PDB file of N, CA and C in Angstrom:
ATOM      1  N   UNK A   1       9.079  36.909  18.398  1.00  0.00           N
ATOM      2  CA  UNK A   1       9.216  35.654  17.638  1.00  0.00           C
ATOM      3  C   UNK A   1       8.060  35.414  16.943  1.00  0.00           C
ATOM      4  N   UNK A   2       8.255  34.953  15.813  1.00  0.00           N
ATOM      5  CA  UNK A   2       6.950  34.404  14.914  1.00  0.00           C
ATOM      6  C   UNK A   2       6.938  33.005  14.680  1.00  0.00           C
ATOM      7  N   UNK A   3       5.865  32.369  14.909  1.00  0.00           N
ATOM      8  CA  UNK A   3       5.918  31.019  14.770  1.00  0.00           C
ATOM      9  C   UNK A   3       4.933  30.643  13.595  1.00  0.00           C
ATOM     10  N   UNK A   4       4.738  29.574  13.091  1.00  0.00           N
ATOM     11  CA  UNK A   4       3.824  29.216  12.112  1.00  0.00           C
ATOM     12  C   UNK A   4       3.447  27.840  12.143  1.00  0.00           C
ATOM     13  N   UNK A   5       2.023  27.528  11.628  1.00  0.00           N
ATOM     14  CA  UNK A   5       1.621  26.164  11.479  1.00  0.00           C
ATOM     15  C   UNK A   5       0.867  26.045  10.219  1.00  0.00           C
ATOM     16  N   UNK A   6       0.958  24.990   9.577  1.00  0.00           N
ATOM     17  CA  UNK A   6       0.402  24.731   8.300  1.00  0.00           C
ATOM     18  C   UNK A   6      -0.768  23.809   8.657  1.00  0.00           C
ATOM     19  N   UNK A   7      -1.667  23.931   7.516  1.00  0.00           N
ATOM     20  CA  UNK A   7      -2.795  22.972   7.607  1.00  0.00           C
ATOM     21  C   UNK A   7      -3.449  22.919   6.091  1.00  0.00           C
ATOM     22  N   UNK A   8      -4.014  21.791   5.790  1.00  0.00           N
ATOM     23  CA  UNK A   8      -4.801  21.649   4.465  1.00  0.00           C
ATOM     24  C   UNK A   8      -6.042  21.249   4.741  1.00  0.00           C
ATOM     25  N   UNK A   9      -6.800  21.711   3.807  1.00  0.00           N
ATOM     26  CA  UNK A   9      -8.512  21.396   3.806  1.00  0.00           C
ATOM     27  C   UNK A   9      -8.890  21.267   2.358  1.00  0.00           C
ATOM     28  N   UNK A  10      -9.785  20.590   2.179  1.00  0.00           N
ATOM     29  CA  UNK A  10     -10.473  20.391   0.725  1.00  0.00           C
ATOM     30  C   UNK A  10     -11.793  21.035   0.750  1.00  0.00           C
ATOM     31  N   UNK A  11     -12.247  21.871  -0.202  1.00  0.00           N
ATOM     32  CA  UNK A  11     -13.313  22.413  -0.332  1.00  0.00           C
ATOM     33  C   UNK A  11     -13.747  22.657  -1.808  1.00  0.00           C
ATOM     34  N   UNK A  12     -15.209  22.705  -1.975  1.00  0.00           N
ATOM     35  CA  UNK A  12     -15.563  23.026  -3.369  1.00  0.00           C
ATOM     36  C   UNK A  12     -16.128  24.444  -3.252  1.00  0.00           C
ATOM     37  N   UNK A  13     -16.339  25.073  -4.440  1.00  0.00           N
ATOM     38  CA  UNK A  13     -16.791  26.442  -4.471  1.00  0.00           C
ATOM     39  C   UNK A  13     -17.130  26.664  -5.947  1.00  0.00           C
ATOM     40  N   UNK A  14     -17.841  27.867  -6.205  1.00  0.00           N
ATOM     41  CA  UNK A  14     -17.873  28.547  -7.532  1.00  0.00           C
ATOM     42  C   UNK A  14     -18.025  29.852  -7.184  1.00  0.00           C
ATOM     43  N   UNK A  15     -17.637  30.795  -8.057  1.00  0.00           N
ATOM     44  CA  UNK A  15     -17.739  32.288  -8.135  1.00  0.00           C
ATOM     45  C   UNK A  15     -18.862  32.833  -8.798  1.00  0.00           C
ATOM     46  N   UNK A  16     -19.910  33.119  -8.018  1.00  0.00           N
ATOM     47  CA  UNK A  16     -21.170  33.586  -8.715  1.00  0.00           C
ATOM     48  C   UNK A  16     -21.020  35.036  -9.257  1.00  0.00           C
ATOM     49  N   UNK A  17     -20.074  35.890  -8.979  1.00  0.00           N
ATOM     50  CA  UNK A  17     -20.051  37.120  -9.534  1.00  0.00           C
ATOM     51  C   UNK A  17     -19.071  37.339 -10.826  1.00  0.00           C
ATOM     52  N   UNK A  18     -18.568  36.121 -11.352  1.00  0.00           N
ATOM     53  CA  UNK A  18     -17.664  36.187 -12.515  1.00  0.00           C
ATOM     54  C   UNK A  18     -18.569  36.118 -13.800  1.00  0.00           C
ATOM     55  N   UNK A  19     -18.124  36.306 -14.843  1.00  0.00           N
ATOM     56  CA  UNK A  19     -18.923  36.076 -16.105  1.00  0.00           C
ATOM     57  C   UNK A  19     -19.517  34.673 -16.168  1.00  0.00           C
ATOM     58  N   UNK A  20     -20.454  34.524 -16.891  1.00  0.00           N
ATOM     59  CA  UNK A  20     -20.979  33.056 -17.207  1.00  0.00           C
ATOM     60  C   UNK A  20     -19.960  32.367 -17.929  1.00  0.00           C
ATOM     61  N   UNK A  21     -19.005  32.860 -18.641  1.00  0.00           N
ATOM     62  CA  UNK A  21     -18.069  32.125 -19.371  1.00  0.00           C
ATOM     63  C   UNK A  21     -16.826  31.810 -18.687  1.00  0.00           C
ATOM     64  N   UNK A  22     -16.738  32.385 -17.531  1.00  0.00           N
ATOM     65  CA  UNK A  22     -15.441  32.220 -16.770  1.00  0.00           C
ATOM     66  C   UNK A  22     -15.550  30.760 -16.178  1.00  0.00           C
ATOM     67  N   UNK A  23     -14.236  30.029 -16.209  1.00  0.00           N
ATOM     68  CA  UNK A  23     -14.369  28.699 -15.716  1.00  0.00           C
ATOM     69  C   UNK A  23     -14.691  28.622 -14.208  1.00  0.00           C
ATOM     70  N   UNK A  24     -14.375  29.478 -13.503  1.00  0.00           N
ATOM     71  CA  UNK A  24     -14.755  29.469 -11.928  1.00  0.00           C
ATOM     72  C   UNK A  24     -16.235  29.741 -11.708  1.00  0.00           C
ATOM     73  N   UNK A  25     -16.918  30.008 -12.722  1.00  0.00           N
ATOM     74  CA  UNK A  25     -18.349  30.150 -12.435  1.00  0.00           C
ATOM     75  C   UNK A  25     -18.943  28.593 -11.973  1.00  0.00           C
ATOM     76  N   UNK A  26     -18.291  27.741 -12.632  1.00  0.00           N
ATOM     77  CA  UNK A  26     -18.662  26.206 -12.380  1.00  0.00           C
ATOM     78  C   UNK A  26     -18.052  25.741 -11.028  1.00  0.00           C
ATOM     79  N   UNK A  27     -18.868  24.733 -10.508  1.00  0.00           N
ATOM     80  CA  UNK A  27     -18.226  24.202  -9.202  1.00  0.00           C
ATOM     81  C   UNK A  27     -17.073  23.404  -9.442  1.00  0.00           C
ATOM     82  N   UNK A  28     -16.125  23.779  -8.587  1.00  0.00           N
ATOM     83  CA  UNK A  28     -14.774  23.037  -8.703  1.00  0.00           C
ATOM     84  C   UNK A  28     -14.315  23.016  -7.391  1.00  0.00           C
ATOM     85  N   UNK A  29     -13.212  22.051  -7.052  1.00  0.00           N
ATOM     86  CA  UNK A  29     -12.690  22.006  -5.676  1.00  0.00           C
ATOM     87  C   UNK A  29     -11.201  22.356  -5.785  1.00  0.00           C
ATOM     88  N   UNK A  30     -10.740  22.594  -4.502  1.00  0.00           N
ATOM     89  CA  UNK A  30      -9.287  22.802  -4.290  1.00  0.00           C
ATOM     90  C   UNK A  30      -8.757  22.141  -2.945  1.00  0.00           C
ATOM     91  N   UNK A  31      -7.649  21.759  -2.953  1.00  0.00           N
ATOM     92  CA  UNK A  31      -7.011  21.301  -1.871  1.00  0.00           C
ATOM     93  C   UNK A  31      -6.103  22.688  -1.372  1.00  0.00           C
ATOM     94  N   UNK A  32      -6.771  23.281  -0.299  1.00  0.00           N
ATOM     95  CA  UNK A  32      -6.152  24.515   0.017  1.00  0.00           C
ATOM     96  C   UNK A  32      -4.793  24.210   1.123  1.00  0.00           C
ATOM     97  N   UNK A  33      -3.988  25.030   1.018  1.00  0.00           N
ATOM     98  CA  UNK A  33      -2.981  25.031   2.023  1.00  0.00           C
ATOM     99  C   UNK A  33      -2.993  26.347   2.843  1.00  0.00           C
ATOM    100  N   UNK A  34      -3.189  26.108   4.111  1.00  0.00           N
ATOM    101  CA  UNK A  34      -3.170  27.392   5.007  1.00  0.00           C
ATOM    102  C   UNK A  34      -2.044  27.545   5.993  1.00  0.00           C
ATOM    103  N   UNK A  35      -1.312  28.510   5.952  1.00  0.00           N
ATOM    104  CA  UNK A  35      -0.045  28.686   6.893  1.00  0.00           C
ATOM    105  C   UNK A  35      -0.525  29.894   7.591  1.00  0.00           C
ATOM    106  N   UNK A  36      -0.490  29.603   9.003  1.00  0.00           N
ATOM    107  CA  UNK A  36      -0.855  30.646  10.095  1.00  0.00           C
ATOM    108  C   UNK A  36       0.461  31.167  10.724  1.00  0.00           C
ATOM    109  N   UNK A  37       0.469  32.234  10.885  1.00  0.00           N
ATOM    110  CA  UNK A  37       1.537  32.869  11.528  1.00  0.00           C
ATOM    111  C   UNK A  37       1.208  33.697  12.912  1.00  0.00           C
ATOM    112  N   UNK A  38       1.948  33.501  13.950  1.00  0.00           N
ATOM    113  CA  UNK A  38       1.693  33.869  15.224  1.00  0.00           C
ATOM    114  C   UNK A  38       2.737  34.765  15.941  1.00  0.00           C
ATOM    115  N   UNK A  39       2.708  36.044  16.382  1.00  0.00           N
ATOM    116  CA  UNK A  39       3.674  36.545  16.921  1.00  0.00           C
ATOM    117  C   UNK A  39       3.470  36.819  18.472  1.00  0.00           C
ATOM    118  N   UNK A  40       4.617  36.677  18.941  1.00  0.00           N
ATOM    119  CA  UNK A  40       4.464  36.904  20.576  1.00  0.00           C
ATOM    120  C   UNK A  40       6.021  36.696  21.080  1.00  0.00           C
ATOM    121  N   UNK A  41       5.984  36.896  22.402  1.00  0.00           N
ATOM    122  CA  UNK A  41       7.283  36.826  23.204  1.00  0.00           C
ATOM    123  C   UNK A  41       7.414  35.311  23.504  1.00  0.00           C
ATOM    124  N   UNK A  42       8.648  34.758  23.640  1.00  0.00           N
ATOM    125  CA  UNK A  42       8.838  33.388  24.226  1.00  0.00           C
ATOM    126  C   UNK A  42       8.532  33.248  25.719  1.00  0.00           C
ATOM    127  N   UNK A  43       7.738  32.761  26.134  1.00  0.00           N
ATOM    128  CA  UNK A  43       7.446  32.341  27.511  1.00  0.00           C
ATOM    129  C   UNK A  43       8.818  31.716  28.158  1.00  0.00           C
ATOM    130  N   UNK A  44       9.370  32.388  29.255  1.00  0.00           N
ATOM    131  CA  UNK A  44      10.442  31.943  29.913  1.00  0.00           C
ATOM    132  C   UNK A  44      10.698  30.657  30.465  1.00  0.00           C
ATOM    133  N   UNK A  45       9.521  30.376  30.878  1.00  0.00           N
ATOM    134  CA  UNK A  45       9.387  29.039  31.622  1.00  0.00           C
ATOM    135  C   UNK A  45       9.028  27.852  30.618  1.00  0.00           C
ATOM    136  N   UNK A  46       8.205  28.035  29.699  1.00  0.00           N
ATOM    137  CA  UNK A  46       7.846  27.118  28.770  1.00  0.00           C
ATOM    138  C   UNK A  46       8.819  26.993  27.415  1.00  0.00           C
ATOM    139  N   UNK A  47       9.336  28.216  27.187  1.00  0.00           N
ATOM    140  CA  UNK A  47      10.216  28.261  26.049  1.00  0.00           C
ATOM    141  C   UNK A  47       9.653  28.313  24.797  1.00  0.00           C
ATOM    142  N   UNK A  48       8.269  28.624  24.692  1.00  0.00           N
ATOM    143  CA  UNK A  48       7.649  28.879  23.460  1.00  0.00           C
ATOM    144  C   UNK A  48       6.650  29.887  23.232  1.00  0.00           C
ATOM    145  N   UNK A  49       6.285  30.305  22.221  1.00  0.00           N
ATOM    146  CA  UNK A  49       5.352  31.337  21.937  1.00  0.00           C
ATOM    147  C   UNK A  49       3.802  30.861  22.386  1.00  0.00           C
ATOM    148  N   UNK A  50       3.667  29.599  21.806  1.00  0.00           N
ATOM    149  CA  UNK A  50       2.369  28.959  22.174  1.00  0.00           C
ATOM    150  C   UNK A  50       2.537  27.611  21.699  1.00  0.00           C
ATOM    151  N   UNK A  51       1.818  26.826  22.343  1.00  0.00           N
ATOM    152  CA  UNK A  51       1.949  25.254  22.213  1.00  0.00           C
ATOM    153  C   UNK A  51       1.239  25.054  20.784  1.00  0.00           C
ATOM    154  N   UNK A  52       2.122  24.306  19.806  1.00  0.00           N
ATOM    155  CA  UNK A  52       1.600  24.009  18.635  1.00  0.00           C
ATOM    156  C   UNK A  52       0.229  23.098  18.703  1.00  0.00           C
ATOM    157  N   UNK A  53       0.316  22.322  19.645  1.00  0.00           N
ATOM    158  CA  UNK A  53      -1.027  21.451  19.927  1.00  0.00           C
ATOM    159  C   UNK A  53      -2.153  22.168  20.181  1.00  0.00           C
ATOM    160  N   UNK A  54      -2.054  23.514  20.948  1.00  0.00           N
ATOM    161  CA  UNK A  54      -3.210  24.136  21.161  1.00  0.00           C
ATOM    162  C   UNK A  54      -3.667  24.727  19.909  1.00  0.00           C
ATOM    163  N   UNK A  55      -2.665  25.242  19.124  1.00  0.00           N
ATOM    164  CA  UNK A  55      -3.111  25.931  17.794  1.00  0.00           C
ATOM    165  C   UNK A  55      -3.934  24.966  16.880  1.00  0.00           C
ATOM    166  N   UNK A  56      -3.303  23.730  16.964  1.00  0.00           N
ATOM    167  CA  UNK A  56      -4.051  22.724  15.916  1.00  0.00           C
ATOM    168  C   UNK A  56      -5.288  22.431  16.586  1.00  0.00           C
ATOM    169  N   UNK A  57      -5.483  22.150  17.583  1.00  0.00           N
ATOM    170  CA  UNK A  57      -6.849  21.899  18.307  1.00  0.00           C
ATOM    171  C   UNK A  57      -7.928  22.978  17.843  1.00  0.00           C
ATOM    172  N   UNK A  58      -7.564  24.315  18.111  1.00  0.00           N
ATOM    173  CA  UNK A  58      -8.412  25.296  17.873  1.00  0.00           C
ATOM    174  C   UNK A  58      -8.598  25.494  16.540  1.00  0.00           C
ATOM    175  N   UNK A  59      -7.475  25.420  15.600  1.00  0.00           N
ATOM    176  CA  UNK A  59      -7.866  25.579  14.321  1.00  0.00           C
ATOM    177  C   UNK A  59      -8.557  24.557  13.406  1.00  0.00           C
ATOM    178  N   UNK A  60      -8.193  23.272  13.772  1.00  0.00           N
ATOM    179  CA  UNK A  60      -8.949  22.185  13.231  1.00  0.00           C
ATOM    180  C   UNK A  60     -10.403  22.333  13.561  1.00  0.00           C
ATOM    181  N   UNK A  61     -10.809  22.762  14.775  1.00  0.00           N
ATOM    182  CA  UNK A  61     -12.363  23.106  14.992  1.00  0.00           C
ATOM    183  C   UNK A  61     -12.895  24.096  14.122  1.00  0.00           C
ATOM    184  N   UNK A  62     -12.169  25.095  13.707  1.00  0.00           N
ATOM    185  CA  UNK A  62     -12.656  26.070  12.696  1.00  0.00           C
ATOM    186  C   UNK A  62     -12.675  25.465  11.402  1.00  0.00           C
ATOM    187  N   UNK A  63     -11.678  24.711  10.989  1.00  0.00           N
ATOM    188  CA  UNK A  63     -11.613  24.267   9.615  1.00  0.00           C
ATOM    189  C   UNK A  63     -12.668  23.139   9.331  1.00  0.00           C
ATOM    190  N   UNK A  64     -13.228  22.381  10.491  1.00  0.00           N
ATOM    191  CA  UNK A  64     -14.336  21.532  10.314  1.00  0.00           C
ATOM    192  C   UNK A  64     -15.641  22.168   9.715  1.00  0.00           C
ATOM    193  N   UNK A  65     -15.668  23.484   9.854  1.00  0.00           N
ATOM    194  CA  UNK A  65     -16.695  24.215   9.293  1.00  0.00           C
ATOM    195  C   UNK A  65     -16.676  24.362   7.835  1.00  0.00           C
ATOM    196  N   UNK A  66     -15.484  24.237   7.166  1.00  0.00           N
ATOM    197  CA  UNK A  66     -15.306  24.334   5.616  1.00  0.00           C
ATOM    198  C   UNK A  66     -14.702  23.048   4.890  1.00  0.00           C
ATOM    199  N   UNK A  67     -14.120  22.288   5.559  1.00  0.00           N
ATOM    200  CA  UNK A  67     -13.286  21.016   4.984  1.00  0.00           C
ATOM    201  C   UNK A  67     -14.662  20.125   4.444  1.00  0.00           C
ATOM    202  N   UNK A  68     -14.266  19.874   3.297  1.00  0.00           N
ATOM    203  CA  UNK A  68     -15.261  19.083   2.410  1.00  0.00           C
ATOM    204  C   UNK A  68     -16.517  19.434   2.490  1.00  0.00           C
ATOM    205  N   UNK A  69     -16.717  20.693   2.391  1.00  0.00           N
ATOM    206  CA  UNK A  69     -17.977  21.596   2.151  1.00  0.00           C
ATOM    207  C   UNK A  69     -17.970  22.337   0.951  1.00  0.00           C
ATOM    208  N   UNK A  70     -19.308  22.678   0.469  1.00  0.00           N
ATOM    209  CA  UNK A  70     -19.396  23.688  -0.573  1.00  0.00           C
ATOM    210  C   UNK A  70     -19.273  25.076   0.146  1.00  0.00           C
ATOM    211  N   UNK A  71     -18.157  25.769  -0.275  1.00  0.00           N
ATOM    212  CA  UNK A  71     -17.983  27.033   0.692  1.00  0.00           C
ATOM    213  C   UNK A  71     -19.155  28.036   0.402  1.00  0.00           C
ATOM    214  N   UNK A  72     -19.803  27.939  -0.732  1.00  0.00           N
ATOM    215  CA  UNK A  72     -20.998  29.056  -1.143  1.00  0.00           C
ATOM    216  C   UNK A  72     -21.918  28.816   0.008  1.00  0.00           C
ATOM    217  N   UNK A  73     -22.253  27.660   0.643  1.00  0.00           N
ATOM    218  CA  UNK A  73     -23.067  27.136   1.481  1.00  0.00           C
ATOM    219  C   UNK A  73     -22.786  27.807   2.798  1.00  0.00           C
ATOM    220  N   UNK A  74     -21.650  28.203   3.266  1.00  0.00           N
ATOM    221  CA  UNK A  74     -21.098  28.464   4.329  1.00  0.00           C
ATOM    222  C   UNK A  74     -21.415  30.025   4.724  1.00  0.00           C
ATOM    223  N   UNK A  75     -22.172  30.194   5.792  1.00  0.00           N
ATOM    224  CA  UNK A  75     -22.427  31.641   6.349  1.00  0.00           C
ATOM    225  C   UNK A  75     -21.309  32.556   6.193  1.00  0.00           C
ATOM    226  N   UNK A  76     -21.437  33.720   5.468  1.00  0.00           N
ATOM    227  CA  UNK A  76     -20.347  34.642   5.144  1.00  0.00           C
ATOM    228  C   UNK A  76     -19.361  34.512   4.022  1.00  0.00           C
ATOM    229  N   UNK A  77     -19.765  33.209   3.133  1.00  0.00           N
ATOM    230  CA  UNK A  77     -18.924  33.007   2.054  1.00  0.00           C
ATOM    231  C   UNK A  77     -19.688  32.761   0.879  1.00  0.00           C
ATOM    232  N   UNK A  78     -20.707  33.679   0.635  1.00  0.00           N
ATOM    233  CA  UNK A  78     -21.417  33.456  -0.548  1.00  0.00           C
ATOM    234  C   UNK A  78     -20.681  33.775  -1.896  1.00  0.00           C
ATOM    235  N   UNK A  79     -19.471  34.566  -1.727  1.00  0.00           N
ATOM    236  CA  UNK A  79     -18.609  34.771  -2.914  1.00  0.00           C
ATOM    237  C   UNK A  79     -17.276  34.294  -2.415  1.00  0.00           C
ATOM    238  N   UNK A  80     -17.038  32.975  -2.463  1.00  0.00           N
ATOM    239  CA  UNK A  80     -15.904  32.479  -1.741  1.00  0.00           C
ATOM    240  C   UNK A  80     -14.562  32.465  -2.728  1.00  0.00           C
ATOM    241  N   UNK A  81     -14.031  33.672  -2.977  1.00  0.00           N
ATOM    242  CA  UNK A  81     -12.682  33.800  -3.575  1.00  0.00           C
ATOM    243  C   UNK A  81     -11.651  33.718  -2.402  1.00  0.00           C
ATOM    244  N   UNK A  82     -10.501  33.284  -2.979  1.00  0.00           N
ATOM    245  CA  UNK A  82      -9.485  33.107  -1.950  1.00  0.00           C
ATOM    246  C   UNK A  82      -9.357  34.226  -0.864  1.00  0.00           C
ATOM    247  N   UNK A  83      -9.419  35.415  -1.467  1.00  0.00           N
ATOM    248  CA  UNK A  83      -9.351  36.494  -0.655  1.00  0.00           C
ATOM    249  C   UNK A  83     -10.393  36.528   0.581  1.00  0.00           C
ATOM    250  N   UNK A  84     -11.626  36.235  -0.086  1.00  0.00           N
ATOM    251  CA  UNK A  84     -12.674  36.276   1.036  1.00  0.00           C
ATOM    252  C   UNK A  84     -12.640  35.106   2.142  1.00  0.00           C
ATOM    253  N   UNK A  85     -12.130  33.925   1.514  1.00  0.00           N
ATOM    254  CA  UNK A  85     -11.840  32.717   2.543  1.00  0.00           C
ATOM    255  C   UNK A  85     -10.909  33.193   3.543  1.00  0.00           C
ATOM    256  N   UNK A  86      -9.775  33.853   3.095  1.00  0.00           N
ATOM    257  CA  UNK A  86      -8.876  34.238   4.018  1.00  0.00           C
ATOM    258  C   UNK A  86      -9.417  35.247   5.040  1.00  0.00           C
ATOM    259  N   UNK A  87     -10.235  36.143   4.641  1.00  0.00           N
ATOM    260  CA  UNK A  87     -10.948  37.254   5.553  1.00  0.00           C
ATOM    261  C   UNK A  87     -11.664  36.362   6.597  1.00  0.00           C
ATOM    262  N   UNK A  88     -12.428  35.350   5.982  1.00  0.00           N
ATOM    263  CA  UNK A  88     -13.302  34.656   7.013  1.00  0.00           C
ATOM    264  C   UNK A  88     -12.585  33.788   7.929  1.00  0.00           C
ATOM    265  N   UNK A  89     -11.443  33.231   7.455  1.00  0.00           N
ATOM    266  CA  UNK A  89     -10.510  32.545   8.456  1.00  0.00           C
ATOM    267  C   UNK A  89     -10.005  33.384   9.472  1.00  0.00           C
ATOM    268  N   UNK A  90      -9.491  34.540   9.055  1.00  0.00           N
ATOM    269  CA  UNK A  90      -8.993  35.585   9.856  1.00  0.00           C
ATOM    270  C   UNK A  90      -9.881  35.856  11.073  1.00  0.00           C
ATOM    271  N   UNK A  91     -11.169  36.293  10.735  1.00  0.00           N
ATOM    272  CA  UNK A  91     -12.291  36.599  11.721  1.00  0.00           C
ATOM    273  C   UNK A  91     -12.416  35.343  12.681  1.00  0.00           C
ATOM    274  N   UNK A  92     -12.357  34.182  12.300  1.00  0.00           N
ATOM    275  CA  UNK A  92     -12.473  33.021  13.370  1.00  0.00           C
ATOM    276  C   UNK A  92     -11.584  32.849  14.047  1.00  0.00           C
ATOM    277  N   UNK A  93     -10.358  32.686  13.384  1.00  0.00           N
ATOM    278  CA  UNK A  93      -9.188  32.265  14.015  1.00  0.00           C
ATOM    279  C   UNK A  93      -8.587  33.383  15.068  1.00  0.00           C
ATOM    280  N   UNK A  94      -8.610  34.532  14.597  1.00  0.00           N
ATOM    281  CA  UNK A  94      -8.106  35.798  15.497  1.00  0.00           C
ATOM    282  C   UNK A  94      -8.924  35.870  16.765  1.00  0.00           C
ATOM    283  N   UNK A  95     -10.307  35.558  16.697  1.00  0.00           N
ATOM    284  CA  UNK A  95     -11.130  35.453  17.885  1.00  0.00           C
ATOM    285  C   UNK A  95     -10.584  34.484  18.997  1.00  0.00           C
ATOM    286  N   UNK A  96     -10.243  33.331  18.471  1.00  0.00           N
ATOM    287  CA  UNK A  96      -9.658  32.283  19.399  1.00  0.00           C
ATOM    288  C   UNK A  96      -8.205  32.279  19.826  1.00  0.00           C
ATOM    289  N   UNK A  97      -7.406  32.894  18.719  1.00  0.00           N
ATOM    290  CA  UNK A  97      -5.935  33.009  18.991  1.00  0.00           C
ATOM    291  C   UNK A  97      -5.481  34.530  18.694  1.00  0.00           C
ATOM    292  N   UNK A  98      -5.707  35.364  19.637  1.00  0.00           N
ATOM    293  CA  UNK A  98      -5.276  36.837  19.412  1.00  0.00           C
ATOM    294  C   UNK A  98      -3.901  37.100  18.834  1.00  0.00           C
ATOM    295  N   UNK A  99      -3.009  36.176  19.049  1.00  0.00           N
ATOM    296  CA  UNK A  99      -1.667  36.577  18.699  1.00  0.00           C
ATOM    297  C   UNK A  99      -1.445  36.077  17.088  1.00  0.00           C
ATOM    298  N   UNK A 100      -2.451  35.814  16.394  1.00  0.00           N
ATOM    299  CA  UNK A 100      -2.581  35.518  14.904  1.00  0.00           C
ATOM    300  C   UNK A 100      -2.053  37.063  14.263  1.00  0.00           C
ATOM    301  N   UNK A 101      -0.909  36.849  13.376  1.00  0.00           N
ATOM    302  CA  UNK A 101      -0.180  37.871  12.936  1.00  0.00           C
ATOM    303  C   UNK A 101      -0.412  37.934  11.592  1.00  0.00           C
ATOM    304  N   UNK A 102      -0.568  36.706  10.729  1.00  0.00           N
ATOM    305  CA  UNK A 102      -0.800  36.810   9.386  1.00  0.00           C
ATOM    306  C   UNK A 102      -1.360  35.326   8.875  1.00  0.00           C
ATOM    307  N   UNK A 103      -2.125  35.398   7.718  1.00  0.00           N
ATOM    308  CA  UNK A 103      -2.488  34.305   7.096  1.00  0.00           C
ATOM    309  C   UNK A 103      -2.145  34.277   5.588  1.00  0.00           C
ATOM    310  N   UNK A 104      -1.639  33.080   5.348  1.00  0.00           N
ATOM    311  CA  UNK A 104      -1.119  32.507   3.883  1.00  0.00           C
ATOM    312  C   UNK A 104      -2.053  31.491   3.333  1.00  0.00           C
ATOM    313  N   UNK A 105      -2.957  31.676   2.507  1.00  0.00           N
ATOM    314  CA  UNK A 105      -3.646  30.869   1.940  1.00  0.00           C
ATOM    315  C   UNK A 105      -3.585  30.500   0.436  1.00  0.00           C
ATOM    316  N   UNK A 106      -3.067  29.297   0.217  1.00  0.00           N
ATOM    317  CA  UNK A 106      -2.756  28.923  -1.096  1.00  0.00           C
ATOM    318  C   UNK A 106      -4.117  28.112  -1.705  1.00  0.00           C
ATOM    319  N   UNK A 107      -4.703  28.584  -2.843  1.00  0.00           N
ATOM    320  CA  UNK A 107      -5.733  27.946  -3.475  1.00  0.00           C
ATOM    321  C   UNK A 107      -5.292  26.844  -4.319  1.00  0.00           C
ATOM    322  N   UNK A 108      -4.143  27.007  -5.020  1.00  0.00           N
ATOM    323  CA  UNK A 108      -3.529  26.137  -5.836  1.00  0.00           C
ATOM    324  C   UNK A 108      -1.911  26.260  -5.394  1.00  0.00           C
ATOM    325  N   UNK A 109      -1.051  25.319  -5.779  1.00  0.00           N
ATOM    326  CA  UNK A 109       0.251  25.316  -5.568  1.00  0.00           C
ATOM    327  C   UNK A 109       0.943  26.728  -6.103  1.00  0.00           C
ATOM    328  N   UNK A 110       0.400  27.351  -7.020  1.00  0.00           N
ATOM    329  CA  UNK A 110       1.091  28.589  -7.582  1.00  0.00           C
ATOM    330  C   UNK A 110       0.311  29.866  -7.333  1.00  0.00           C
ATOM    331  N   UNK A 111      -0.902  29.822  -6.583  1.00  0.00           N
ATOM    332  CA  UNK A 111      -1.705  30.982  -6.322  1.00  0.00           C
ATOM    333  C   UNK A 111      -2.271  31.110  -5.046  1.00  0.00           C
ATOM    334  N   UNK A 112      -2.367  32.388  -4.495  1.00  0.00           N
ATOM    335  CA  UNK A 112      -2.895  32.370  -3.283  1.00  0.00           C
ATOM    336  C   UNK A 112      -2.836  33.844  -2.564  1.00  0.00           C
ATOM    337  N   UNK A 113      -3.157  34.117  -1.332  1.00  0.00           N
ATOM    338  CA  UNK A 113      -3.232  35.396  -0.732  1.00  0.00           C
ATOM    339  C   UNK A 113      -2.452  35.324   0.507  1.00  0.00           C
ATOM    340  N   UNK A 114      -2.131  36.466   0.781  1.00  0.00           N
ATOM    341  CA  UNK A 114      -1.414  36.769   2.210  1.00  0.00           C
ATOM    342  C   UNK A 114      -2.316  37.884   2.859  1.00  0.00           C
ATOM    343  N   UNK A 115      -2.885  37.640   3.939  1.00  0.00           N
ATOM    344  CA  UNK A 115      -3.723  38.493   4.569  1.00  0.00           C
ATOM    345  C   UNK A 115      -3.270  38.893   6.079  1.00  0.00           C
ATOM    346  N   UNK A 116      -3.228  40.093   6.640  1.00  0.00           N
ATOM    347  CA  UNK A 116      -2.708  40.532   7.827  1.00  0.00           C
ATOM    348  C   UNK A 116      -3.896  41.210   8.616  1.00  0.00           C
ATOM    349  N   UNK A 117      -4.982  41.039   8.254  1.00  0.00           N
ATOM    350  CA  UNK A 117      -6.107  41.646   8.892  1.00  0.00           C
ATOM    351  C   UNK A 117      -6.423  43.267   8.664  1.00  0.00           C
ATOM    352  N   UNK A 118      -5.863  43.730   7.876  1.00  0.00           N
ATOM    353  CA  UNK A 118      -5.927  45.048   7.579  1.00  0.00           C
ATOM    354  C   UNK A 118      -6.512  45.223   6.213  1.00  0.00           C
TER     355      UNK A 118
END
């Protein structure tokens, strides 16, 4: 069974490795949408893979490190592309919730990444 949970967070960033004329070289912000997918067996007694409330509690703790922050100032996010933010999130969330299967991170409504940890 695969379950999912959606989150949003707001962060600012700039991309230091793009050309000086690239618009993303300047500080700007996004409202990110994060969708997390978890795989596991349905517990016969509880009837679920994992309690959505437990997911929310653990993930919100992690998101507090980047919500309303300048991502470039967060350890490990010196070049905070959408891809690098997804990798950073994977490392934090997978440690707390080992059944994490996939991350979908939308930087805008029309662009984002899917990351499976490989």
